[in-house]
Structure formats: structure tokens, C-alpha cells
Amino acid sequence: MTSFRDTEGDRGCLRFVLAVPLLLFTLLAAYFCWTALTIRPSGTWDEEAYGGITLSCALTVGAAAAGAGFQLLPTVRRVMPWWVVSPVLLLGLVAGLRWMNGG
């Protein structure tokens, strides 16, 4: 028979394993959000820069949606607290605002 202490140890290991994909989604979103914020068009004629900003913003929002979707899985919800998805959602929000205001 397993005790409560054994179950908590397994849950800690499962948290670590499930945190890896969420960390990867967050790092991916952070990279693309950084590129979206650092690309500066040379002028109104610079369509390539605007296209790069739009692409970076779209990839950031996609990675944020994937991270939020991962958090919605029942197995993940049981083990991970809800606030662990907040960094990737914040990055998605920043990229969405950048996309609307200048992409």
C-alpha cells in the first residue's frame, strides 16, 4: 500500500517532467517576442521588416496558445498550479499588442 508521502514524491517528479514542455513553449515564445520587439523597420517602405514583426508575433501567440492548451490537459491541471502558465500568456499578450500596434 502506498502512503501519502510516496504519492507526493511521485507528484513532484511528474511536475518536473510536465514542466519541461511548458518551459520549452515559454522559451520559444520569449525568443519570438524578443525578435518582434527588436525588429525596427527602416521606413514605411520596409515591408520585409513588417512581415518579420508579423511572423514573430504570430509565432509568439501560437507558442502561448500551445502552452495554455498544454495547461488545459487534465493530467497537467491536476499536478501543476494554474499560475505556471502566466509567463507564456504574458508573452502572448505583449506580442498580440505589438502585432496590433505596429506589425
N, C-alpha and C. Protein backbone atom coordinates (compact mmCIF):
# COMPACT_ATOMS: atom_id res chain seq x y z
N MET A 1 0.84 -1.18 0.00
CA MET A 1 0.00 0.00 0.00
C MET A 1 0.89 1.24 0.00
N THR A 2 0.55 2.20 -0.80
CA THR A 2 1.34 3.42 -0.87
C THR A 2 0.84 4.43 0.14
N SER A 3 1.77 5.15 0.70
CA SER A 3 1.39 6.18 1.67
C SER A 3 1.26 7.52 0.96
N PHE A 4 0.77 8.47 1.69
CA PHE A 4 0.61 9.83 1.16
C PHE A 4 1.96 10.42 0.77
N ARG A 5 2.98 10.12 1.54
CA ARG A 5 4.31 10.64 1.28
C ARG A 5 4.85 10.11 -0.05
N ASP A 6 4.60 8.84 -0.37
CA ASP A 6 5.04 8.28 -1.65
C ASP A 6 4.33 8.95 -2.82
N THR A 7 3.06 9.22 -2.65
CA THR A 7 2.30 9.87 -3.71
C THR A 7 2.81 11.28 -3.96
N GLU A 8 3.16 12.01 -2.94
CA GLU A 8 3.70 13.36 -3.12
C GLU A 8 5.05 13.32 -3.82
N GLY A 9 5.86 12.34 -3.56
CA GLY A 9 7.14 12.21 -4.26
C GLY A 9 6.95 11.96 -5.74
N ASP A 10 5.98 11.12 -6.08
CA ASP A 10 5.67 10.87 -7.48
C ASP A 10 5.13 12.13 -8.14
N ARG A 11 4.33 12.86 -7.43
CA ARG A 11 3.75 14.09 -7.98
C ARG A 11 4.84 15.12 -8.25
N GLY A 12 5.83 15.21 -7.39
CA GLY A 12 6.94 16.14 -7.61
C GLY A 12 7.73 15.78 -8.86
N CYS A 13 7.95 14.49 -9.08
CA CYS A 13 8.64 14.04 -10.29
C CYS A 13 7.80 14.33 -11.53
N LEU A 14 6.49 14.11 -11.42
CA LEU A 14 5.61 14.38 -12.54
C LEU A 14 5.56 15.87 -12.85
N ARG A 15 5.61 16.70 -11.83
CA ARG A 15 5.66 18.15 -12.04
C ARG A 15 6.91 18.53 -12.84
N PHE A 16 8.01 17.93 -12.48
CA PHE A 16 9.26 18.22 -13.18
C PHE A 16 9.18 17.80 -14.65
N VAL A 17 8.64 16.63 -14.90
CA VAL A 17 8.52 16.12 -16.27
C VAL A 17 7.57 16.98 -17.08
N LEU A 18 6.45 17.37 -16.50
CA LEU A 18 5.46 18.18 -17.22
C LEU A 18 5.89 19.64 -17.36
N ALA A 19 6.83 20.06 -16.54
CA ALA A 19 7.31 21.44 -16.65
C ALA A 19 8.22 21.62 -17.86
N VAL A 20 8.81 20.55 -18.35
CA VAL A 20 9.73 20.66 -19.49
C VAL A 20 9.04 21.18 -20.75
N PRO A 21 7.91 20.60 -21.19
CA PRO A 21 7.26 21.17 -22.38
C PRO A 21 6.78 22.60 -22.16
N LEU A 22 6.27 22.89 -20.99
CA LEU A 22 5.82 24.26 -20.71
C LEU A 22 6.99 25.24 -20.73
N LEU A 23 8.14 24.82 -20.23
CA LEU A 23 9.33 25.65 -20.29
C LEU A 23 9.78 25.86 -21.74
N LEU A 24 9.69 24.82 -22.55
CA LEU A 24 10.06 24.96 -23.96
C LEU A 24 9.12 25.92 -24.69
N PHE A 25 7.82 25.82 -24.43
CA PHE A 25 6.87 26.76 -25.03
C PHE A 25 7.17 28.19 -24.58
N THR A 26 7.52 28.36 -23.31
CA THR A 26 7.82 29.69 -22.79
C THR A 26 9.09 30.25 -23.42
N LEU A 27 10.12 29.43 -23.53
CA LEU A 27 11.37 29.89 -24.16
C LEU A 27 11.17 30.23 -25.63
N LEU A 28 10.39 29.43 -26.32
CA LEU A 28 10.09 29.69 -27.72
C LEU A 28 9.32 31.00 -27.86
N ALA A 29 8.32 31.19 -27.02
CA ALA A 29 7.54 32.43 -27.06
C ALA A 29 8.42 33.63 -26.69
N ALA A 30 9.32 33.46 -25.72
CA ALA A 30 10.20 34.56 -25.32
C ALA A 30 11.13 34.96 -26.46
N TYR A 31 11.66 33.99 -27.18
CA TYR A 31 12.55 34.30 -28.29
C TYR A 31 11.81 35.07 -29.38
N PHE A 32 10.66 34.57 -29.79
CA PHE A 32 9.93 35.24 -30.86
C PHE A 32 9.37 36.59 -30.42
N CYS A 33 9.00 36.71 -29.16
CA CYS A 33 8.54 38.01 -28.66
C CYS A 33 9.70 39.00 -28.66
N TRP A 34 10.88 38.54 -28.28
CA TRP A 34 12.06 39.40 -28.31
C TRP A 34 12.35 39.88 -29.73
N THR A 35 12.27 38.96 -30.71
CA THR A 35 12.51 39.37 -32.08
C THR A 35 11.44 40.35 -32.56
N ALA A 36 10.19 40.12 -32.16
CA ALA A 36 9.12 41.04 -32.57
C ALA A 36 9.33 42.44 -31.99
N LEU A 37 9.89 42.51 -30.80
CA LEU A 37 10.10 43.81 -30.16
C LEU A 37 11.38 44.51 -30.62
N THR A 38 12.34 43.75 -31.14
CA THR A 38 13.61 44.37 -31.52
C THR A 38 13.73 44.68 -33.00
N ILE A 39 12.86 44.14 -33.82
CA ILE A 39 12.90 44.46 -35.25
C ILE A 39 12.40 45.89 -35.44
N ARG A 40 13.21 46.70 -36.09
CA ARG A 40 12.85 48.10 -36.36
C ARG A 40 12.85 48.33 -37.87
N PRO A 41 11.71 48.66 -38.43
CA PRO A 41 11.67 48.96 -39.87
C PRO A 41 12.46 50.23 -40.18
N SER A 42 13.09 50.25 -41.34
CA SER A 42 13.87 51.42 -41.77
C SER A 42 12.98 52.56 -42.23
N GLY A 43 11.77 52.26 -42.58
CA GLY A 43 10.82 53.27 -43.04
C GLY A 43 9.50 52.60 -43.36
N THR A 44 8.56 53.39 -43.85
CA THR A 44 7.25 52.84 -44.17
C THR A 44 7.32 51.89 -45.36
N TRP A 45 8.37 51.98 -46.14
CA TRP A 45 8.55 51.13 -47.31
C TRP A 45 9.13 49.76 -46.98
N ASP A 46 9.60 49.55 -45.76
CA ASP A 46 10.30 48.32 -45.37
C ASP A 46 9.31 47.19 -45.07
N GLU A 47 8.77 46.62 -46.12
CA GLU A 47 7.76 45.55 -45.98
C GLU A 47 8.34 44.28 -45.37
N GLU A 48 9.61 44.01 -45.60
CA GLU A 48 10.23 42.80 -45.04
C GLU A 48 10.29 42.87 -43.52
N ALA A 49 10.60 44.03 -42.98
CA ALA A 49 10.65 44.18 -41.52
C ALA A 49 9.24 44.03 -40.93
N TYR A 50 8.26 44.64 -41.57
CA TYR A 50 6.88 44.50 -41.08
C TYR A 50 6.41 43.05 -41.17
N GLY A 51 6.82 42.36 -42.22
CA GLY A 51 6.49 40.94 -42.33
C GLY A 51 7.16 40.11 -41.26
N GLY A 52 8.41 40.45 -40.92
CA GLY A 52 9.11 39.76 -39.84
C GLY A 52 8.48 39.99 -38.49
N ILE A 53 8.03 41.22 -38.25
CA ILE A 53 7.33 41.52 -36.99
C ILE A 53 6.04 40.72 -36.90
N THR A 54 5.29 40.69 -38.00
CA THR A 54 4.03 39.95 -38.01
C THR A 54 4.27 38.47 -37.79
N LEU A 55 5.26 37.91 -38.46
CA LEU A 55 5.57 36.50 -38.29
C LEU A 55 6.01 36.19 -36.86
N SER A 56 6.88 37.03 -36.30
CA SER A 56 7.33 36.81 -34.92
C SER A 56 6.18 36.89 -33.94
N CYS A 57 5.30 37.84 -34.14
CA CYS A 57 4.14 37.97 -33.26
C CYS A 57 3.22 36.76 -33.38
N ALA A 58 3.00 36.31 -34.61
CA ALA A 58 2.13 35.14 -34.81
C ALA A 58 2.73 33.89 -34.17
N LEU A 59 4.04 33.71 -34.29
CA LEU A 59 4.68 32.55 -33.67
C LEU A 59 4.67 32.64 -32.15
N THR A 60 4.79 33.85 -31.61
CA THR A 60 4.70 34.02 -30.16
C THR A 60 3.31 33.68 -29.67
N VAL A 61 2.30 34.19 -30.35
CA VAL A 61 0.92 33.91 -29.95
C VAL A 61 0.64 32.41 -30.10
N GLY A 62 1.17 31.78 -31.13
CA GLY A 62 0.99 30.34 -31.30
C GLY A 62 1.64 29.54 -30.19
N ALA A 63 2.85 29.92 -29.80
CA ALA A 63 3.53 29.23 -28.70
C ALA A 63 2.80 29.45 -27.38
N ALA A 64 2.25 30.66 -27.19
CA ALA A 64 1.48 30.94 -25.98
C ALA A 64 0.20 30.11 -25.96
N ALA A 65 -0.44 29.98 -27.11
CA ALA A 65 -1.66 29.17 -27.18
C ALA A 65 -1.35 27.69 -26.93
N ALA A 66 -0.22 27.23 -27.44
CA ALA A 66 0.17 25.84 -27.21
C ALA A 66 0.48 25.61 -25.73
N GLY A 67 1.14 26.57 -25.09
CA GLY A 67 1.41 26.45 -23.66
C GLY A 67 0.13 26.46 -22.83
N ALA A 68 -0.80 27.33 -23.19
CA ALA A 68 -2.09 27.37 -22.48
C ALA A 68 -2.88 26.09 -22.74
N GLY A 69 -2.83 25.60 -23.97
CA GLY A 69 -3.51 24.35 -24.28
C GLY A 69 -2.91 23.17 -23.54
N PHE A 70 -1.60 23.18 -23.39
CA PHE A 70 -0.94 22.13 -22.61
C PHE A 70 -1.40 22.16 -21.16
N GLN A 71 -1.56 23.36 -20.62
CA GLN A 71 -2.00 23.50 -19.23
C GLN A 71 -3.45 23.03 -19.05
N LEU A 72 -4.24 23.03 -20.11
CA LEU A 72 -5.63 22.60 -20.02
C LEU A 72 -5.81 21.08 -20.00
N LEU A 73 -4.76 20.34 -20.29
CA LEU A 73 -4.86 18.89 -20.22
C LEU A 73 -5.15 18.46 -18.79
N PRO A 74 -6.05 17.49 -18.59
CA PRO A 74 -6.43 17.09 -17.22
C PRO A 74 -5.25 16.61 -16.38
N THR A 75 -4.33 15.88 -16.97
CA THR A 75 -3.18 15.40 -16.21
C THR A 75 -2.32 16.55 -15.71
N VAL A 76 -2.14 17.53 -16.55
CA VAL A 76 -1.31 18.67 -16.19
C VAL A 76 -2.03 19.53 -15.15
N ARG A 77 -3.32 19.72 -15.32
CA ARG A 77 -4.08 20.55 -14.37
C ARG A 77 -4.05 19.97 -12.97
N ARG A 78 -4.06 18.63 -12.86
CA ARG A 78 -4.05 18.01 -11.53
C ARG A 78 -2.73 18.23 -10.81
N VAL A 79 -1.64 18.38 -11.56
CA VAL A 79 -0.31 18.40 -10.94
C VAL A 79 0.28 19.81 -10.87
N MET A 80 0.05 20.61 -11.89
CA MET A 80 0.67 21.93 -11.96
C MET A 80 -0.32 23.01 -11.52
N PRO A 81 0.15 23.98 -10.77
CA PRO A 81 -0.75 25.10 -10.41
C PRO A 81 -1.05 25.96 -11.64
N TRP A 82 -2.13 26.68 -11.60
CA TRP A 82 -2.60 27.46 -12.75
C TRP A 82 -1.64 28.60 -13.09
N TRP A 83 -0.94 29.13 -12.13
CA TRP A 83 -0.12 30.31 -12.37
C TRP A 83 1.16 30.01 -13.16
N VAL A 84 1.52 28.75 -13.34
CA VAL A 84 2.75 28.45 -14.08
C VAL A 84 2.64 28.80 -15.56
N VAL A 85 1.43 28.95 -16.05
CA VAL A 85 1.23 29.30 -17.45
C VAL A 85 1.23 30.81 -17.66
N SER A 86 1.27 31.58 -16.59
CA SER A 86 1.18 33.04 -16.72
C SER A 86 2.34 33.67 -17.48
N PRO A 87 3.59 33.23 -17.38
CA PRO A 87 4.65 33.87 -18.18
C PRO A 87 4.43 33.73 -19.68
N VAL A 88 4.03 32.55 -20.13
CA VAL A 88 3.83 32.36 -21.57
C VAL A 88 2.60 33.15 -22.03
N LEU A 89 1.59 33.26 -21.20
CA LEU A 89 0.42 34.06 -21.57
C LEU A 89 0.76 35.55 -21.62
N LEU A 90 1.60 36.00 -20.72
CA LEU A 90 2.03 37.40 -20.73
C LEU A 90 2.83 37.70 -22.00
N LEU A 91 3.69 36.79 -22.40
CA LEU A 91 4.44 36.97 -23.65
C LEU A 91 3.49 37.01 -24.85
N GLY A 92 2.48 36.17 -24.84
CA GLY A 92 1.49 36.18 -25.91
C GLY A 92 0.71 37.48 -25.95
N LEU A 93 0.41 38.03 -24.78
CA LEU A 93 -0.29 39.31 -24.71
C LEU A 93 0.58 40.44 -25.24
N VAL A 94 1.84 40.46 -24.87
CA VAL A 94 2.77 41.50 -25.37
C VAL A 94 2.89 41.40 -26.89
N ALA A 95 3.03 40.19 -27.40
CA ALA A 95 3.15 40.02 -28.85
C ALA A 95 1.85 40.41 -29.56
N GLY A 96 0.74 40.09 -28.96
CA GLY A 96 -0.53 40.50 -29.56
C GLY A 96 -0.69 42.00 -29.63
N LEU A 97 -0.25 42.69 -28.58
CA LEU A 97 -0.30 44.16 -28.59
C LEU A 97 0.66 44.73 -29.63
N ARG A 98 1.83 44.14 -29.74
CA ARG A 98 2.80 44.59 -30.75
C ARG A 98 2.24 44.38 -32.16
N TRP A 99 1.59 43.25 -32.35
CA TRP A 99 1.02 42.90 -33.63
C TRP A 99 -0.07 43.91 -34.03
N MET A 100 -0.89 44.27 -33.06
CA MET A 100 -1.98 45.23 -33.35
C MET A 100 -1.47 46.65 -33.56
N ASN A 101 -0.40 47.02 -32.86
CA ASN A 101 0.05 48.41 -32.90
C ASN A 101 1.17 48.72 -33.88
N GLY A 102 1.81 47.71 -34.42
CA GLY A 102 2.92 48.07 -35.30
C GLY A 102 3.39 46.97 -36.21
N GLY A 103 2.72 45.85 -36.21
CA GLY A 103 3.17 44.75 -37.03
C GLY A 103 2.61 44.78 -38.35
